[in-house]
Amino acid sequence: MSGFMDLNVTFCENKSSMQKLIDTAAHLGYSTVAVNYTFEATATKKTAIPSPKPIKELIDHLPIVQGRSRPIRVLNRLTLLMSDSSYFFPNQKAYEPYDLLAVQADTEKLFHAACTLLDVDVITLPFTERLPFFFKKAPVNAAAERGVVFEVTYAPAVWHATARRSTVVNALNLAQACNGKNMMVSSAASKPLELRGPYDVINLCSLMGLSHDQARNALSRTCRSLLLHAETRKSAGGAVRTERRRDQPPVEQETEVFSAPAAKRAKRRPGPSRS
């Protein structure tokens, strides 16, 4: 069984605050967390994408996961903020230090590109606001076929009723579009008080139209599949697939033919039939 994961906890420069956040996640039973770094990509901005901090510099020690005998696993994640898909540069070396690559889709055009074209692992959306577009089956299904996961974050909706209402409505619309599959629920917490235990999050998912099994998968199996997808994206160089055209006849197997002298061929010719 896959352990519970929270693949979005907000990066903090303060080492003590970061330690408390990860300690709380381990105490609540999360076996894996991803520290999220954000970078705004624009056409004019020349700032290089920063590298993530090494785990030893991020926190003092890895806490033991509640109910398990092993320490928590800490990953690095990069979320790109952009207004146009042309600002995304695939195969960029600056992405390599990160275990997960996400893009925040604020417009329908960018959402469609993220679902069908961009080589990312996660598509996140500003669920606390009213989205300027509706979820359509075609791009959502395309993202599912490519192994890209949709993310719903709950921490921004913890303290504000309006944000909570918008998050539930938007997540419900997304769940209807993807049939409750290929969805990941994470916290996006920046402080320990914003974290919730896995089973509390599962109960929250029932308001988003997810069944108990779908909600559990959104914290475990879907996250595990996402990590496998990210490893494949980083390591795979590509594949070549060849197919025979339907209108092209199959190639007959070649056989080796030994030619005989002309005199012997003439003797082998059948003569006229005798009646």
Protein backbone atom coordinates (compact mmCIF):
# COMPACT_ATOMS: atom_id res chain seq x y z
CA MET A 1 0.00 0.00 0.00
CA SER A 2 1.28 3.45 -0.87
CA GLY A 3 1.98 5.80 2.01
CA PHE A 4 0.29 9.17 2.26
CA MET A 5 2.11 12.03 0.55
CA ASP A 6 1.90 15.81 0.55
CA LEU A 7 3.72 16.91 -2.59
CA ASN A 8 3.40 20.64 -1.99
CA VAL A 9 4.70 22.34 1.13
CA THR A 10 5.89 25.89 0.63
CA PHE A 11 9.61 26.62 0.78
CA CYS A 12 10.74 28.91 3.59
CA GLU A 13 14.14 30.54 4.00
CA ASN A 14 13.94 30.17 7.77
CA LYS A 15 15.50 26.83 8.67
CA SER A 16 13.64 26.54 11.97
CA SER A 17 10.24 27.18 10.34
CA MET A 18 10.99 24.65 7.61
CA GLN A 19 11.96 22.06 10.23
CA LYS A 20 8.70 22.59 12.15
CA LEU A 21 6.67 22.24 8.95
CA ILE A 22 8.30 18.94 7.98
CA ASP A 23 8.18 17.68 11.58
CA THR A 24 4.43 18.29 11.61
CA ALA A 25 3.94 16.51 8.29
CA ALA A 26 5.80 13.46 9.61
CA HIS A 27 3.82 13.52 12.87
CA LEU A 28 0.54 13.55 10.89
CA GLY A 29 1.61 10.43 9.01
CA TYR A 30 2.91 11.70 5.68
CA SER A 31 5.75 9.50 4.41
CA THR A 32 6.79 11.88 1.61
CA VAL A 33 6.67 15.64 1.17
CA ALA A 34 7.84 17.89 -1.65
CA VAL A 35 9.20 21.35 -0.87
CA ASN A 36 7.73 23.69 -3.47
CA TYR A 37 9.77 26.49 -5.07
CA THR A 38 8.00 28.94 -7.38
CA PHE A 39 9.45 30.82 -10.32
CA GLU A 40 7.70 33.40 -12.48
CA ALA A 41 8.64 32.96 -16.14
CA THR A 42 8.17 35.97 -18.44
CA ALA A 43 9.40 37.06 -21.85
CA THR A 44 11.57 39.86 -20.48
CA LYS A 45 12.74 38.40 -17.20
CA LYS A 46 16.32 37.15 -17.49
CA THR A 47 16.68 35.82 -13.94
CA ALA A 48 17.91 32.25 -13.89
CA ILE A 49 15.83 29.56 -12.24
CA PRO A 50 17.26 29.09 -8.73
CA SER A 51 18.52 25.69 -7.62
CA PRO A 52 16.85 24.05 -4.62
CA LYS A 53 18.61 23.97 -1.30
CA PRO A 54 20.24 20.66 -0.30
CA ILE A 55 18.24 18.82 2.34
CA LYS A 56 21.07 19.18 4.86
CA GLU A 57 20.88 22.96 4.50
CA LEU A 58 17.08 23.00 4.44
CA ILE A 59 16.51 21.24 7.78
CA ASP A 60 18.65 19.88 10.62
CA HIS A 61 17.33 16.31 10.59
CA LEU A 62 14.70 14.09 8.98
CA PRO A 63 11.91 13.24 11.46
CA ILE A 64 10.50 9.71 11.78
CA VAL A 65 7.07 9.22 10.21
CA GLN A 66 4.27 8.54 12.69
CA GLY A 67 3.44 4.82 12.70
CA ARG A 68 6.51 3.90 10.68
CA SER A 69 10.12 3.16 11.54
CA ARG A 70 11.70 5.22 8.80
CA PRO A 71 12.34 8.94 8.30
CA ILE A 72 10.25 11.12 6.04
CA ARG A 73 11.28 11.49 2.41
CA VAL A 74 11.80 15.09 1.28
CA LEU A 75 11.69 15.98 -2.43
CA ASN A 76 12.11 19.22 -4.36
CA ARG A 77 9.43 20.64 -6.63
CA LEU A 78 9.40 23.62 -9.00
CA THR A 79 6.17 25.39 -9.93
CA LEU A 80 6.35 27.70 -12.93
CA LEU A 81 4.12 30.78 -12.97
CA MET A 82 3.57 32.07 -16.50
CA SER A 83 0.96 33.79 -18.61
CA ASP A 84 1.83 32.09 -21.89
CA SER A 85 3.07 28.62 -22.83
CA SER A 86 5.80 30.13 -25.04
CA TYR A 87 7.71 31.02 -21.84
CA PHE A 88 8.19 27.31 -21.13
CA PHE A 89 11.50 25.89 -22.32
CA PRO A 90 11.59 22.07 -22.40
CA ASN A 91 14.68 20.06 -21.49
CA GLN A 92 16.17 23.00 -19.62
CA LYS A 93 19.04 22.00 -17.35
CA ALA A 94 17.71 24.23 -14.59
CA TYR A 95 14.81 21.75 -14.13
CA GLU A 96 17.12 18.79 -13.46
CA PRO A 97 17.72 19.39 -9.71
CA TYR A 98 13.96 19.23 -9.09
CA ASP A 99 12.11 15.96 -8.58
CA LEU A 100 8.77 17.39 -9.75
CA LEU A 101 7.91 20.03 -12.33
CA ALA A 102 4.57 21.84 -12.16
CA VAL A 103 2.91 24.70 -14.00
CA GLN A 104 0.13 26.95 -12.76
CA ALA A 105 -2.49 27.45 -15.43
CA ASP A 106 -4.34 30.74 -14.99
CA THR A 107 -5.88 30.94 -18.48
CA GLU A 108 -7.73 28.52 -20.73
CA LYS A 109 -5.02 28.74 -23.40
CA LEU A 110 -2.29 27.88 -20.93
CA PHE A 111 -4.40 25.12 -19.39
CA HIS A 112 -4.95 23.53 -22.81
CA ALA A 113 -1.22 23.74 -23.61
CA ALA A 114 -0.28 22.23 -20.24
CA CYS A 115 -2.68 19.33 -20.80
CA THR A 116 -1.58 18.55 -24.34
CA LEU A 117 1.93 19.90 -24.97
CA LEU A 118 4.05 20.95 -21.99
CA ASP A 119 6.39 18.32 -20.57
CA VAL A 120 5.39 18.74 -16.91
CA ASP A 121 4.22 16.46 -14.11
CA VAL A 122 1.59 18.58 -12.34
CA ILE A 123 -1.01 21.13 -13.41
CA THR A 124 -2.10 23.36 -10.55
CA LEU A 125 -4.75 26.06 -10.65
CA PRO A 126 -5.76 29.04 -8.48
CA PHE A 127 -8.75 27.25 -6.95
CA THR A 128 -9.43 29.99 -4.39
CA GLU A 129 -10.59 32.26 -7.22
CA ARG A 130 -13.29 31.97 -9.82
CA LEU A 131 -11.66 30.37 -12.84
CA PRO A 132 -12.11 32.24 -16.16
CA PHE A 133 -12.81 29.02 -18.08
CA PHE A 134 -14.60 25.69 -17.84
CA PHE A 135 -12.95 22.29 -17.77
CA LYS A 136 -13.38 20.44 -21.06
CA LYS A 137 -13.16 16.70 -21.51
CA ALA A 138 -10.70 16.72 -24.43
CA PRO A 139 -7.72 18.44 -22.75
CA VAL A 140 -8.44 16.76 -19.41
CA ASN A 141 -8.40 13.32 -21.03
CA ALA A 142 -5.25 14.23 -22.98
CA ALA A 143 -3.48 15.10 -19.73
CA ALA A 144 -4.58 11.80 -18.16
CA GLU A 145 -3.23 9.84 -21.13
CA ARG A 146 0.13 11.62 -20.78
CA GLY A 147 0.29 10.89 -17.03
CA VAL A 148 -0.03 14.53 -15.98
CA VAL A 149 -1.81 15.04 -12.64
CA PHE A 150 -4.18 17.83 -11.59
CA GLU A 151 -3.55 19.34 -8.17
CA VAL A 152 -6.04 20.70 -5.64
CA THR A 153 -4.58 22.61 -2.67
CA TYR A 154 -6.52 23.12 0.56
CA ALA A 155 -4.36 25.30 2.85
CA PRO A 156 -5.37 28.64 1.25
CA ALA A 157 -8.99 27.72 2.01
CA VAL A 158 -8.47 26.79 5.67
CA TRP A 159 -9.05 30.21 7.19
CA HIS A 160 -11.32 31.97 4.67
CA ALA A 161 -14.90 30.94 3.94
CA THR A 162 -14.95 32.57 0.48
CA ALA A 163 -11.74 30.84 -0.57
CA ARG A 164 -13.05 27.55 0.83
CA ARG A 165 -16.27 27.86 -1.16
CA SER A 166 -14.41 28.63 -4.39
CA THR A 167 -11.99 25.73 -3.82
CA VAL A 168 -14.81 23.25 -3.31
CA VAL A 169 -16.75 24.45 -6.37
CA ASN A 170 -13.72 24.44 -8.67
CA ALA A 171 -12.54 21.06 -7.40
CA LEU A 172 -16.03 19.64 -7.88
CA ASN A 173 -16.07 20.83 -11.51
CA LEU A 174 -12.64 19.30 -12.08
CA ALA A 175 -13.68 16.00 -10.50
CA GLN A 176 -16.69 15.83 -12.83
CA ALA A 177 -14.48 16.48 -15.87
CA CYS A 178 -11.92 13.79 -14.99
CA ASN A 179 -14.32 11.38 -13.26
CA GLY A 180 -12.44 11.73 -9.99
CA LYS A 181 -9.25 10.26 -11.45
CA ASN A 182 -5.79 11.73 -11.92
CA MET A 183 -6.34 14.21 -9.08
CA MET A 184 -3.84 14.94 -6.32
CA VAL A 185 -4.72 16.80 -3.14
CA SER A 186 -1.92 18.64 -1.32
CA SER A 187 -1.68 21.35 1.28
CA ALA A 188 0.53 24.15 -0.12
CA ALA A 189 1.08 24.86 3.57
CA SER A 190 3.54 27.53 4.65
CA LYS A 191 3.09 26.94 8.39
CA PRO A 192 2.31 23.88 10.55
CA LEU A 193 -1.19 25.07 11.48
CA GLU A 194 -2.23 24.84 7.82
CA LEU A 195 -1.47 21.12 7.61
CA ARG A 196 -4.23 18.56 8.08
CA GLY A 197 -3.99 14.83 8.68
CA PRO A 198 -4.58 12.45 5.77
CA TYR A 199 -7.98 11.27 6.99
CA ASP A 200 -9.16 14.84 7.58
CA VAL A 201 -8.19 15.61 3.99
CA ILE A 202 -10.04 12.49 2.80
CA ASN A 203 -13.18 13.76 4.53
CA LEU A 204 -12.69 17.15 2.89
CA CYS A 205 -12.48 15.45 -0.50
CA SER A 206 -16.03 14.16 -0.09
CA LEU A 207 -17.17 17.77 -0.56
CA MET A 208 -15.28 17.80 -3.87
CA GLY A 209 -17.28 14.90 -5.25
CA LEU A 210 -14.64 12.23 -4.64
CA SER A 211 -15.48 8.82 -3.24
CA HIS A 212 -13.53 7.46 -0.28
CA ASP A 213 -11.27 5.37 -2.53
CA GLN A 214 -10.71 8.25 -4.96
CA ALA A 215 -9.84 10.59 -2.08
CA ARG A 216 -7.42 8.06 -0.63
CA ASN A 217 -5.78 7.63 -4.04
CA ALA A 218 -5.42 11.42 -4.31
CA LEU A 219 -3.07 11.24 -1.32
CA SER A 220 -1.29 7.99 -2.12
CA ARG A 221 -1.51 5.98 -5.36
CA THR A 222 -1.87 8.97 -7.66
CA CYS A 223 1.13 10.57 -5.96
CA ARG A 224 3.14 7.40 -6.41
CA SER A 225 2.27 7.28 -10.11
CA LEU A 226 3.21 10.93 -10.37
CA LEU A 227 6.69 10.26 -8.98
CA LEU A 228 7.18 7.45 -11.49
CA HIS A 229 6.08 9.79 -14.28
CA ALA A 230 8.58 12.41 -13.10
CA GLU A 231 11.42 9.87 -13.05
CA THR A 232 10.53 8.79 -16.57
CA ARG A 233 10.38 12.39 -17.79
CA LYS A 234 13.85 13.09 -16.41
CA SER A 235 15.52 9.90 -17.62
CA ALA A 236 13.80 8.92 -20.86
CA GLY A 237 15.53 10.07 -24.01
CA GLY A 238 12.70 9.03 -26.27
CA ALA A 239 11.47 6.05 -28.25
CA VAL A 240 10.94 5.26 -31.91
CA ARG A 241 7.83 3.44 -32.99
CA THR A 242 7.44 1.93 -36.46
CA GLU A 243 4.21 0.73 -38.02
CA ARG A 244 3.30 -0.85 -41.35
CA ARG A 245 0.88 1.14 -43.43
CA ARG A 246 -2.51 -0.46 -43.90
CA ASP A 247 -2.42 0.02 -47.66
CA GLN A 248 1.04 -1.52 -47.91
CA PRO A 249 1.07 -5.31 -48.57
CA PRO A 250 3.15 -7.43 -46.24
CA VAL A 251 6.68 -8.10 -47.35
CA GLU A 252 7.11 -11.69 -48.42
CA GLN A 253 9.91 -13.59 -46.82
CA GLU A 254 12.89 -13.72 -49.08
CA THR A 255 14.08 -17.17 -50.15
CA GLU A 256 17.40 -17.98 -51.66
CA VAL A 257 17.13 -19.20 -55.28
CA PHE A 258 19.87 -21.16 -56.98
CA SER A 259 19.79 -20.84 -60.76
CA ALA A 260 20.56 -23.92 -62.89
CA PRO A 261 22.31 -23.90 -66.24
CA ALA A 262 20.16 -23.14 -69.29
CA ALA A 263 20.49 -26.69 -70.63
CA LYS A 264 19.16 -28.26 -67.44
CA ARG A 265 16.32 -25.75 -67.27
CA ALA A 266 15.32 -26.72 -70.78
CA LYS A 267 15.25 -30.41 -69.86
CA ARG A 268 13.01 -29.67 -66.87
CA ARG A 269 10.36 -27.97 -69.01
CA PRO A 270 7.33 -30.21 -69.38
CA GLY A 271 6.70 -31.45 -72.89
CA PRO A 272 3.36 -31.52 -74.73
CA SER A 273 0.81 -33.79 -73.15
CA ARG A 274 0.07 -37.05 -74.93
CA SER A 275 -3.51 -37.94 -75.25
